[in-house]
Amino acid sequence: MTGTVRIVGAGLLGSSIGHALRQNGVDVALADTSPAQLRLAVDYGAGRAAEEGDDPDLVVVCTPPDVVADTIADALRRFPRAVVTDVASVKLEPLRVLRERDVDLTNYIGSHPMAGRERGGAISARADIFAGRPWVICRDGETPTAALALVEDLALDLGAVPVEMTPDEHDRSVALVSHVPQVVASLLAARFADAPEQSLALAGQGVRDTTRIAASAPELWVQILAANADPVVAQLDMLAADLQRVADALRAPDEPGARRTTADVIRSGNVGVERLPGKHGQRRRFESFVVMVDDASGQLGRLFGDLGELGVNVEDFRLEHSPGAQLGLAEISVDPATLQAAVDGITSRGWRIAGTSD
């Protein structure tokens, strides 16, 4: 990227894009309807405040879904030389609105980085949140090659992986892998609101993994879900039927076929998880072992130092604290071929193994 990039909306994604571009020496001009949000983003170094005389090469719209079409139309009118893209998580609805208004969309390309955090705002922005993440680009037959290249350059310079989709393909895909998981996580976490404290004290990493995204902002998700309602409803209806089927089986677990129904659901989940891309987009399973780590300064550093000296490549890692004990459980995922050697090596260095997935 060269020249000036104007970012409209200085929240999490806008400020994160600004930080990443500034690291590459790009002139970033920030605009936001909230003066306080804009000043905060500037103070944190996401860019400078936009000025009247700016002539950007690229405008990146990072506003909430309910105003994204208005903001795109305004950018196309004010900066006719610039390419305009947006990062909204729904692509069909703003495109429909713009077409209904007969806006010239020659210089507009919808896009969506599959990245984010549970907490929003400029204060939560990070330059590295796009690294290795897909960045969907929705071109059409009228998209100029130079405009497409500019949006692809943006994604590549931020460390993302450009992926081309139609708006319809995008919206159906994010309904499945993003929007419905948000609803499910929120519904599950809502069951904890009135749960007894003694029950919640038993919560482990599994429930935390399942409900992590339930901390997301309701105001934003009301807009996202409403804008992508049809594919989300289709997925929720199928999920509701699956839940009903399991509930019916468990009401009479000794009836013929009841246990098979439950087992088939769990097995189908195994198949689905195996299809999810892992490290570097690979679709392969890793094996894991759990190391007991004393809750003391320097212990994790020593563990990773030992793994490095043993030549163990850590594919994934997560840490869970044992309730009521000064102890952490470090789950280390490795290539299955190296599992036994890793366990033997770590054990020989005095670490206690709590279990393996083998």
Protein backbone atom coordinates (compact mmCIF):
# COMPACT_ATOMS: atom_id res chain seq x y z
CA MET A 1 0.00 0.00 0.00
CA THR A 2 1.12 3.56 -0.81
CA GLY A 3 -0.53 6.95 -0.76
CA THR A 4 -3.23 7.87 1.75
CA VAL A 5 -5.76 5.46 3.19
CA ARG A 6 -8.85 7.00 4.75
CA ILE A 7 -10.48 4.86 7.45
CA VAL A 8 -14.05 5.76 8.37
CA GLY A 9 -14.86 4.35 11.79
CA ALA A 10 -12.11 4.29 14.41
CA GLY A 11 -13.34 1.31 16.42
CA LEU A 12 -11.67 -2.08 16.80
CA LEU A 13 -11.29 -3.00 13.12
CA GLY A 14 -10.69 0.50 11.82
CA SER A 15 -8.03 1.26 14.41
CA SER A 16 -6.43 -2.17 13.97
CA ILE A 17 -6.16 -1.56 10.20
CA GLY A 18 -4.68 1.86 10.96
CA HIS A 19 -2.04 0.43 13.30
CA ALA A 20 -1.02 -2.22 10.78
CA LEU A 21 -0.80 0.23 7.87
CA ARG A 22 1.20 2.74 9.89
CA GLN A 23 3.72 0.03 10.70
CA ASN A 24 4.22 -0.18 6.92
CA GLY A 25 4.71 3.57 6.61
CA VAL A 26 1.29 4.31 5.07
CA ASP A 27 -0.40 7.68 5.68
CA VAL A 28 -3.62 6.85 7.55
CA ALA A 29 -6.40 9.44 7.87
CA LEU A 30 -9.03 8.55 10.46
CA ALA A 31 -12.63 9.77 10.55
CA ASP A 32 -15.36 8.97 13.05
CA THR A 33 -18.69 10.50 14.03
CA SER A 34 -17.59 10.28 17.67
CA PRO A 35 -14.93 12.92 18.46
CA ALA A 36 -13.95 11.04 21.62
CA GLN A 37 -13.45 7.77 19.74
CA LEU A 38 -11.43 9.57 17.07
CA ARG A 39 -9.16 11.29 19.59
CA LEU A 40 -8.61 8.00 21.40
CA ALA A 41 -7.63 6.20 18.18
CA VAL A 42 -5.24 9.03 17.25
CA ASP A 43 -3.71 9.04 20.74
CA TYR A 44 -3.10 5.29 20.49
CA GLY A 45 -1.29 5.78 17.18
CA ALA A 46 -3.80 4.32 14.70
CA GLY A 47 -3.40 7.32 12.39
CA ARG A 48 -4.00 11.06 12.14
CA ALA A 49 -7.31 12.88 12.08
CA ALA A 50 -8.65 13.25 8.53
CA GLU A 51 -8.44 16.71 6.96
CA GLU A 52 -10.54 18.46 4.32
CA GLY A 53 -7.78 18.44 1.72
CA ASP A 54 -7.15 14.68 1.88
CA ASP A 55 -7.24 12.84 -1.45
CA PRO A 56 -7.12 9.15 -0.50
CA ASP A 57 -6.32 6.30 -2.85
CA LEU A 58 -8.39 3.92 -0.73
CA VAL A 59 -11.30 4.43 1.66
CA VAL A 60 -11.99 1.65 4.16
CA VAL A 61 -15.45 1.85 5.73
CA CYS A 62 -15.50 0.36 9.23
CA THR A 63 -18.84 1.62 10.52
CA PRO A 64 -21.66 -0.40 12.13
CA PRO A 65 -23.85 -2.45 9.73
CA ASP A 66 -26.88 -0.16 9.97
CA VAL A 67 -25.00 2.82 8.49
CA VAL A 68 -22.44 1.09 6.27
CA ALA A 69 -24.41 1.61 3.02
CA ASP A 70 -24.81 5.33 3.76
CA THR A 71 -21.11 5.66 4.52
CA ILE A 72 -20.07 3.81 1.34
CA ALA A 73 -22.31 6.04 -0.79
CA ASP A 74 -20.89 9.16 0.87
CA ALA A 75 -17.30 8.01 0.31
CA LEU A 76 -17.93 7.24 -3.38
CA ARG A 77 -19.45 10.70 -3.83
CA ARG A 78 -16.77 12.63 -1.93
CA PHE A 79 -13.75 10.76 -3.29
CA PRO A 80 -14.54 9.76 -6.90
CA ARG A 81 -10.88 8.87 -7.58
CA ALA A 82 -10.61 6.48 -4.64
CA VAL A 83 -11.39 2.79 -4.38
CA VAL A 84 -13.89 2.17 -1.58
CA THR A 85 -14.16 -1.04 0.42
CA ASP A 86 -15.83 -1.94 3.69
CA VAL A 87 -15.30 -4.53 6.40
CA ALA A 88 -18.94 -5.18 7.33
CA SER A 89 -19.69 -8.77 8.34
CA VAL A 90 -22.72 -8.88 6.00
CA LYS A 91 -22.30 -8.21 2.27
CA LEU A 92 -25.67 -8.69 0.52
CA GLU A 93 -27.76 -6.16 2.47
CA PRO A 94 -25.56 -3.06 1.95
CA LEU A 95 -25.10 -4.02 -1.72
CA ARG A 96 -28.88 -4.29 -2.17
CA VAL A 97 -29.42 -0.86 -0.59
CA LEU A 98 -26.73 0.75 -2.75
CA ARG A 99 -28.16 -0.75 -5.94
CA GLU A 100 -31.66 0.44 -5.03
CA ARG A 101 -30.27 3.97 -4.79
CA ASP A 102 -28.57 3.65 -8.21
CA VAL A 103 -25.17 4.41 -6.72
CA ASP A 104 -22.29 3.98 -9.19
CA LEU A 105 -20.45 1.00 -7.68
CA THR A 106 -17.59 0.81 -10.18
CA ASN A 107 -15.01 1.75 -7.53
CA TYR A 108 -16.65 -0.19 -4.69
CA ILE A 109 -15.52 -3.65 -3.62
CA GLY A 110 -17.09 -5.26 -0.55
CA SER A 111 -14.74 -7.14 1.73
CA HIS A 112 -14.67 -8.70 5.16
CA PRO A 113 -11.69 -9.71 7.30
CA MET A 114 -12.54 -12.76 9.40
CA ALA A 115 -10.90 -11.30 12.47
CA GLY A 116 -11.95 -9.55 15.64
CA ARG A 117 -12.03 -9.65 19.41
CA GLU A 118 -14.75 -9.93 22.03
CA ARG A 119 -14.05 -6.38 23.18
CA GLY A 120 -14.42 -3.46 20.79
CA GLY A 121 -13.20 0.09 20.48
CA ALA A 122 -9.91 1.74 19.64
CA ILE A 123 -8.47 0.77 23.01
CA SER A 124 -8.70 -2.94 22.06
CA ALA A 125 -7.17 -2.51 18.59
CA ARG A 126 -4.13 -4.56 17.59
CA ALA A 127 -2.06 -4.50 14.42
CA ASP A 128 -1.72 -8.29 14.31
CA ILE A 129 -5.35 -9.44 14.52
CA PHE A 130 -5.51 -9.98 10.74
CA ALA A 131 -2.35 -12.10 10.51
CA GLY A 132 -3.12 -15.43 8.87
CA ARG A 133 -6.87 -14.77 8.84
CA PRO A 134 -9.07 -15.00 5.70
CA TRP A 135 -10.07 -11.67 4.15
CA VAL A 136 -13.10 -12.19 1.89
CA ILE A 137 -13.24 -9.99 -1.21
CA CYS A 138 -16.54 -9.77 -3.12
CA ARG A 139 -15.80 -8.63 -6.66
CA ASP A 140 -18.16 -8.59 -9.63
CA GLY A 141 -17.76 -8.56 -13.41
CA GLU A 142 -17.47 -4.76 -13.51
CA THR A 143 -14.70 -4.50 -10.92
CA PRO A 144 -11.62 -2.81 -12.44
CA THR A 145 -8.45 -4.88 -12.13
CA ALA A 146 -6.57 -2.03 -10.45
CA ALA A 147 -9.30 -1.61 -7.82
CA LEU A 148 -9.29 -5.32 -7.04
CA ALA A 149 -5.49 -5.30 -6.75
CA LEU A 150 -5.63 -2.39 -4.29
CA VAL A 151 -8.01 -4.21 -1.92
CA GLU A 152 -5.96 -7.40 -2.25
CA ASP A 153 -2.82 -5.39 -1.42
CA LEU A 154 -4.55 -4.08 1.70
CA ALA A 155 -5.32 -7.61 2.88
CA LEU A 156 -1.83 -8.90 2.06
CA ASP A 157 -0.06 -5.97 3.73
CA LEU A 158 -2.04 -6.69 6.90
CA GLY A 159 -0.92 -10.32 6.83
CA ALA A 160 -4.34 -11.68 5.85
CA VAL A 161 -5.19 -14.27 3.18
CA PRO A 162 -7.44 -12.91 0.38
CA VAL A 163 -10.39 -15.18 -0.50
CA GLU A 164 -12.81 -14.38 -3.34
CA MET A 165 -16.54 -15.06 -2.82
CA THR A 166 -19.83 -13.73 -4.05
CA PRO A 167 -21.84 -11.72 -1.50
CA ASP A 168 -24.35 -14.58 -1.26
CA GLU A 169 -21.63 -17.19 -0.69
CA HIS A 170 -20.10 -14.95 1.96
CA ASP A 171 -23.32 -14.38 3.89
CA ARG A 172 -24.27 -18.07 3.90
CA SER A 173 -20.76 -18.99 5.02
CA VAL A 174 -20.54 -16.51 7.90
CA ALA A 175 -24.02 -17.54 9.05
CA LEU A 176 -22.64 -21.05 9.52
CA VAL A 177 -19.21 -20.35 11.00
CA SER A 178 -19.71 -17.03 12.79
CA HIS A 179 -23.25 -15.79 13.30
CA VAL A 180 -24.93 -19.00 14.50
CA PRO A 181 -21.98 -19.86 16.82
CA GLN A 182 -22.46 -16.43 18.39
CA VAL A 183 -26.14 -17.13 19.07
CA VAL A 184 -25.40 -20.62 20.44
CA ALA A 185 -22.60 -19.35 22.70
CA SER A 186 -24.81 -16.56 24.02
CA LEU A 187 -27.75 -18.89 24.70
CA LEU A 188 -25.51 -21.35 26.54
CA ALA A 189 -23.79 -18.64 28.59
CA ALA A 190 -27.19 -17.18 29.49
CA ARG A 191 -27.92 -20.41 31.39
CA PHE A 192 -25.16 -19.38 33.83
CA ALA A 193 -26.82 -16.11 34.82
CA ASP A 194 -28.92 -17.68 37.59
CA ALA A 195 -26.87 -20.85 38.12
CA PRO A 196 -25.65 -21.72 41.63
CA GLU A 197 -22.12 -20.59 42.44
CA GLN A 198 -21.15 -24.15 43.37
CA SER A 199 -22.06 -25.28 39.86
CA LEU A 200 -20.08 -22.52 38.16
CA ALA A 201 -17.07 -23.34 40.34
CA LEU A 202 -16.77 -26.63 38.44
CA ALA A 203 -16.41 -24.88 35.05
CA GLY A 204 -13.38 -25.99 33.08
CA GLN A 205 -11.73 -25.06 29.82
CA GLY A 206 -14.40 -26.79 27.73
CA VAL A 207 -17.18 -24.47 28.81
CA ARG A 208 -14.89 -21.45 28.53
CA ASP A 209 -14.00 -22.42 24.95
CA THR A 210 -17.66 -22.91 24.10
CA THR A 211 -18.82 -19.57 25.51
CA ARG A 212 -15.82 -17.28 24.91
CA ILE A 213 -17.57 -15.20 22.23
CA ALA A 214 -20.62 -14.70 24.45
CA ALA A 215 -18.82 -11.60 25.79
CA SER A 216 -19.50 -9.79 22.48
CA ALA A 217 -21.41 -6.50 22.27
CA PRO A 218 -25.22 -6.95 21.99
CA GLU A 219 -25.69 -3.66 20.11
CA LEU A 220 -23.44 -4.79 17.25
CA TRP A 221 -24.84 -8.31 17.03
CA VAL A 222 -28.45 -7.15 16.85
CA GLN A 223 -27.49 -5.33 13.63
CA ILE A 224 -25.43 -8.20 12.19
CA LEU A 225 -28.06 -10.86 12.81
CA ALA A 226 -30.89 -8.72 11.47
CA ALA A 227 -28.93 -7.96 8.28
CA ASN A 228 -28.20 -11.67 7.68
CA ALA A 229 -31.44 -13.07 9.06
CA ASP A 230 -32.43 -15.55 6.33
CA PRO A 231 -29.30 -17.77 6.31
CA VAL A 232 -29.03 -17.52 10.10
CA VAL A 233 -32.64 -18.64 10.55
CA ALA A 234 -32.08 -21.57 8.17
CA GLN A 235 -29.14 -22.78 10.25
CA LEU A 236 -30.95 -22.20 13.56
CA ASP A 237 -33.97 -24.18 12.36
CA MET A 238 -31.75 -27.16 11.48
CA LEU A 239 -29.94 -26.87 14.80
CA ALA A 240 -33.24 -26.70 16.68
CA ALA A 241 -34.37 -29.91 14.95
CA ASP A 242 -31.12 -31.62 15.94
CA LEU A 243 -31.53 -30.50 19.55
CA GLN A 244 -35.10 -31.77 19.62
CA ARG A 245 -33.95 -35.13 18.27
CA VAL A 246 -31.34 -35.51 21.03
CA ALA A 247 -33.78 -34.34 23.72
CA ASP A 248 -36.36 -36.91 22.56
CA ALA A 249 -33.74 -39.66 22.66
CA LEU A 250 -32.65 -38.75 26.18
CA ARG A 251 -36.22 -38.66 27.48
CA ALA A 252 -36.30 -42.41 26.94
CA PRO A 253 -32.63 -43.50 26.82
CA ASP A 254 -33.52 -47.21 27.02
CA GLU A 255 -35.81 -47.15 24.00
CA PRO A 256 -34.48 -48.88 20.85
CA GLY A 257 -32.28 -46.52 18.84
CA ALA A 258 -32.02 -43.85 21.55
CA ARG A 259 -28.37 -44.47 22.34
CA ARG A 260 -27.52 -44.69 18.67
CA THR A 261 -29.11 -41.29 18.08
CA THR A 262 -26.96 -39.76 20.80
CA ALA A 263 -23.82 -41.50 19.56
CA ASP A 264 -24.46 -40.39 15.97
CA VAL A 265 -24.71 -36.77 17.09
CA ILE A 266 -21.38 -36.96 18.93
CA ARG A 267 -19.76 -38.79 16.01
CA SER A 268 -21.04 -36.18 13.54
CA GLY A 269 -19.41 -33.55 15.72
CA ASN A 270 -16.12 -35.46 15.51
CA VAL A 271 -16.33 -35.37 11.72
CA GLY A 272 -17.14 -31.66 11.65
CA VAL A 273 -14.28 -30.72 13.97
CA GLU A 274 -11.83 -32.70 11.87
CA ARG A 275 -12.84 -30.69 8.80
CA LEU A 276 -12.00 -27.34 10.39
CA PRO A 277 -8.70 -25.94 9.13
CA GLY A 278 -5.99 -25.82 11.77
CA LYS A 279 -2.51 -24.37 11.84
CA HIS A 280 -1.50 -22.93 8.43
CA GLY A 281 -4.90 -24.06 7.08
CA GLN A 282 -4.01 -27.74 7.49
CA ARG A 283 -6.82 -30.23 7.96
CA ARG A 284 -5.11 -32.71 10.23
CA ARG A 285 -5.47 -33.71 13.83
CA PHE A 286 -2.87 -33.18 16.50
CA GLU A 287 -2.40 -35.17 19.69
CA SER A 288 -2.08 -33.46 23.03
CA PHE A 289 -0.68 -34.05 26.48
CA VAL A 290 -1.37 -32.14 29.69
CA VAL A 291 1.47 -30.95 31.91
CA MET A 292 0.91 -29.96 35.53
CA VAL A 293 2.51 -26.54 36.06
CA ASP A 294 2.99 -24.94 39.48
CA ASP A 295 1.38 -21.50 39.70
CA ALA A 296 4.68 -19.70 40.20
CA SER A 297 6.74 -17.16 38.30
CA GLY A 298 8.83 -18.52 35.44
CA GLN A 299 7.26 -21.97 35.24
CA LEU A 300 5.71 -21.56 31.81
CA GLY A 301 8.96 -20.10 30.50
CA ARG A 302 10.85 -23.12 31.82
CA LEU A 303 8.32 -25.49 30.25
CA PHE A 304 8.62 -23.91 26.81
CA GLY A 305 12.38 -23.77 27.19
CA ASP A 306 12.47 -27.52 27.85
CA LEU A 307 10.17 -28.20 24.89
CA GLY A 308 12.43 -26.15 22.67
CA GLU A 309 15.56 -27.97 23.80
CA LEU A 310 13.81 -31.28 23.13
CA GLY A 311 12.99 -30.12 19.59
CA VAL A 312 9.22 -30.32 20.18
CA ASN A 313 7.20 -28.11 17.82
CA VAL A 314 4.14 -26.89 19.74
CA GLU A 315 1.18 -26.81 17.33
CA ASP A 316 -1.29 -25.38 19.86
CA PHE A 317 -1.39 -24.48 23.54
CA ARG A 318 -3.93 -23.61 26.20
CA LEU A 319 -3.74 -23.19 29.95
CA GLU A 320 -6.41 -24.01 32.50
CA HIS A 321 -6.14 -23.35 36.21
CA SER A 322 -7.22 -26.01 38.64
CA PRO A 323 -10.00 -24.64 40.91
CA GLY A 324 -8.82 -24.19 44.49
CA ALA A 325 -5.23 -25.29 43.77
CA GLN A 326 -2.02 -23.41 43.01
CA LEU A 327 -1.68 -25.42 39.84
CA GLY A 328 -2.12 -24.91 36.12
CA LEU A 329 -2.88 -27.55 33.49
CA ALA A 330 -0.99 -26.81 30.28
CA GLU A 331 -2.38 -28.66 27.27
CA ILE A 332 0.30 -29.03 24.59
CA SER A 333 -0.75 -30.11 21.07
CA VAL A 334 1.90 -31.75 18.88
CA ASP A 335 2.22 -33.82 15.72
CA PRO A 336 1.06 -37.37 16.57
CA ALA A 337 4.42 -38.78 15.45
CA THR A 338 6.22 -36.80 18.15
CA LEU A 339 3.77 -37.34 21.02
CA GLN A 340 5.52 -40.16 22.84
CA ALA A 341 8.97 -38.63 22.49
CA ALA A 342 7.65 -35.32 23.81
CA VAL A 343 5.98 -36.96 26.81
CA ASP A 344 9.07 -39.04 27.61
CA GLY A 345 11.36 -36.04 27.26
CA ILE A 346 9.27 -33.74 29.43
CA THR A 347 8.81 -36.44 32.07
CA SER A 348 12.58 -37.02 32.22
CA ARG A 349 12.99 -33.33 33.05
CA GLY A 350 10.77 -33.60 36.11
CA TRP A 351 7.44 -32.44 34.74
CA ARG A 352 4.27 -34.26 35.82
CA ILE A 353 1.93 -35.44 33.07
CA ALA A 354 -1.79 -35.31 33.80
CA GLY A 355 -2.85 -37.23 30.68
CA THR A 356 -2.66 -37.53 26.92
CA SER A 357 -5.20 -37.64 24.09
CA ASP A 358 -3.59 -40.75 22.60
